[in-house]
C-alpha atoms as a PDB file:
ATOM      1  CA  MET A   1     -33.268  -6.065   7.462  1.00  0.00           C
ATOM      2  CA  ASN A   2     -35.342  -6.336   4.591  1.00  0.00           C
ATOM      3  CA  LYS A   3     -34.797  -4.631   1.053  1.00  0.00           C
ATOM      4  CA  LYS A   4     -38.568  -2.517   2.277  1.00  0.00           C
ATOM      5  CA  ASP A   5     -36.868  -1.293   5.860  1.00  0.00           C
ATOM      6  CA  LEU A   6     -33.811   1.077   3.833  1.00  0.00           C
ATOM      7  CA  SER A   7     -34.387   4.077   2.389  1.00  0.00           C
ATOM      8  CA  GLU A   8     -32.865   5.336  -0.591  1.00  0.00           C
ATOM      9  CA  SER A   9     -30.894   8.151   1.413  1.00  0.00           C
ATOM     10  CA  ASP A  10     -29.749   5.036   3.898  1.00  0.00           C
ATOM     11  CA  ILE A  11     -28.893   2.865   1.077  1.00  0.00           C
ATOM     12  CA  LYS A  12     -26.730   6.059  -1.005  1.00  0.00           C
ATOM     13  CA  ALA A  13     -25.319   6.970   2.102  1.00  0.00           C
ATOM     14  CA  MET A  14     -24.085   2.812   2.664  1.00  0.00           C
ATOM     15  CA  VAL A  15     -22.948   2.985  -0.937  1.00  0.00           C
ATOM     16  CA  LYS A  16     -20.847   6.162  -0.072  1.00  0.00           C
ATOM     17  CA  LYS A  17     -19.223   4.621   2.539  1.00  0.00           C
ATOM     18  CA  VAL A  18     -18.572   1.907   1.161  1.00  0.00           C
ATOM     19  CA  GLU A  19     -17.048   3.948  -2.380  1.00  0.00           C
ATOM     20  CA  THR A  20     -14.591   6.012  -0.082  1.00  0.00           C
ATOM     21  CA  LEU A  21     -13.145   2.174   2.115  1.00  0.00           C
ATOM     22  CA  MET A  22     -12.512   1.768  -1.054  1.00  0.00           C
ATOM     23  CA  GLN A  23     -10.701   4.558  -2.052  1.00  0.00           C
ATOM     24  CA  LYS A  24      -8.746   3.683   0.726  1.00  0.00           C
ATOM     25  CA  CYS A  25      -7.743   0.182   0.026  1.00  0.00           C
ATOM     26  CA  GLN A  26      -6.239   1.455  -3.382  1.00  0.00           C
ATOM     27  CA  ALA A  27      -4.224   3.439  -1.661  1.00  0.00           C
ATOM     28  CA  LEU A  28      -2.568   1.154   1.262  1.00  0.00           C
ATOM     29  CA  GLU A  29      -2.591  -0.743  -2.308  1.00  0.00           C
ATOM     30  CA  GLU A  30      -0.022   1.862  -4.283  1.00  0.00           C
ATOM     31  CA  ASP A  31       1.784   2.157   0.046  1.00  0.00           C
ATOM     32  CA  ILE A  32       2.178  -1.933  -0.231  1.00  0.00           C
ATOM     33  CA  LYS A  33       3.654  -1.499  -3.926  1.00  0.00           C
ATOM     34  CA  THR A  34       6.235   1.601  -3.251  1.00  0.00           C
ATOM     35  CA  SER A  35       7.087   0.070   0.028  1.00  0.00           C
ATOM     36  CA  GLU A  36       7.500  -3.168  -0.749  1.00  0.00           C
ATOM     37  CA  ALA A  37       9.908  -1.806  -4.153  1.00  0.00           C
ATOM     38  CA  ASP A  38      11.587   0.325  -1.029  1.00  0.00           C
ATOM     39  CA  ALA A  39      12.231  -2.942   0.752  1.00  0.00           C
ATOM     40  CA  GLN A  40      13.431  -4.804  -2.901  1.00  0.00           C
ATOM     41  CA  MET A  41      16.255  -1.805  -3.504  1.00  0.00           C
ATOM     42  CA  LEU A  42      16.781  -1.858  -0.039  1.00  0.00           C
ATOM     43  CA  MET A  43      17.398  -5.846   0.315  1.00  0.00           C
ATOM     44  CA  GLN A  44      19.251  -5.113  -2.663  1.00  0.00           C
ATOM     45  CA  ALA A  45      22.446  -2.632  -1.744  1.00  0.00           C
ATOM     46  CA  VAL A  46      22.776  -4.306   1.515  1.00  0.00           C
ATOM     47  CA  LEU A  47      23.640  -7.493  -0.307  1.00  0.00           C
ATOM     48  CA  LYS A  48      25.633  -5.811  -3.281  1.00  0.00           C
ATOM     49  CA  GLU A  49      27.866  -4.158   0.317  1.00  0.00           C
ATOM     50  CA  ALA A  50      27.720  -7.302   1.858  1.00  0.00           C
ATOM     51  CA  PHE A  51      29.527  -9.406  -1.424  1.00  0.00           C
ATOM     52  CA  GLU A  52      31.600  -6.284  -2.456  1.00  0.00           C
ATOM     53  CA  GLY A  53      32.501  -5.310   0.851  1.00  0.00           C
ATOM     54  CA  LYS A  54      32.994  -1.701   1.265  1.00  0.00           C
ATOM     55  CA  LYS A  55      35.783  -0.303  -1.028  1.00  0.00           C
ATOM     56  CA  GLU A  56      38.138   1.437   0.605  1.00  0.00           C
ATOM     57  CA  LYS A  57      40.732   4.280  -0.759  1.00  0.00           C
ATOM     58  CA  VAL A  58      43.946   3.121  -0.806  1.00  0.00           C
ATOM     59  CA  VAL A  59      46.717   5.780   0.059  1.00  0.00           C
END
């Protein structure tokens, strides 16, 4: 397919599609960063509980 084979509207449609996909990629990257942060906090909480143990009330 040559550049000559693509109409201006075809090119605009492809550009729009690429921009839409890039926005979705950016949103996924943000979701991944959030998930990684949540996983890190969870791991810290699990390790803290494992090494400190649950503190029991002495009555």
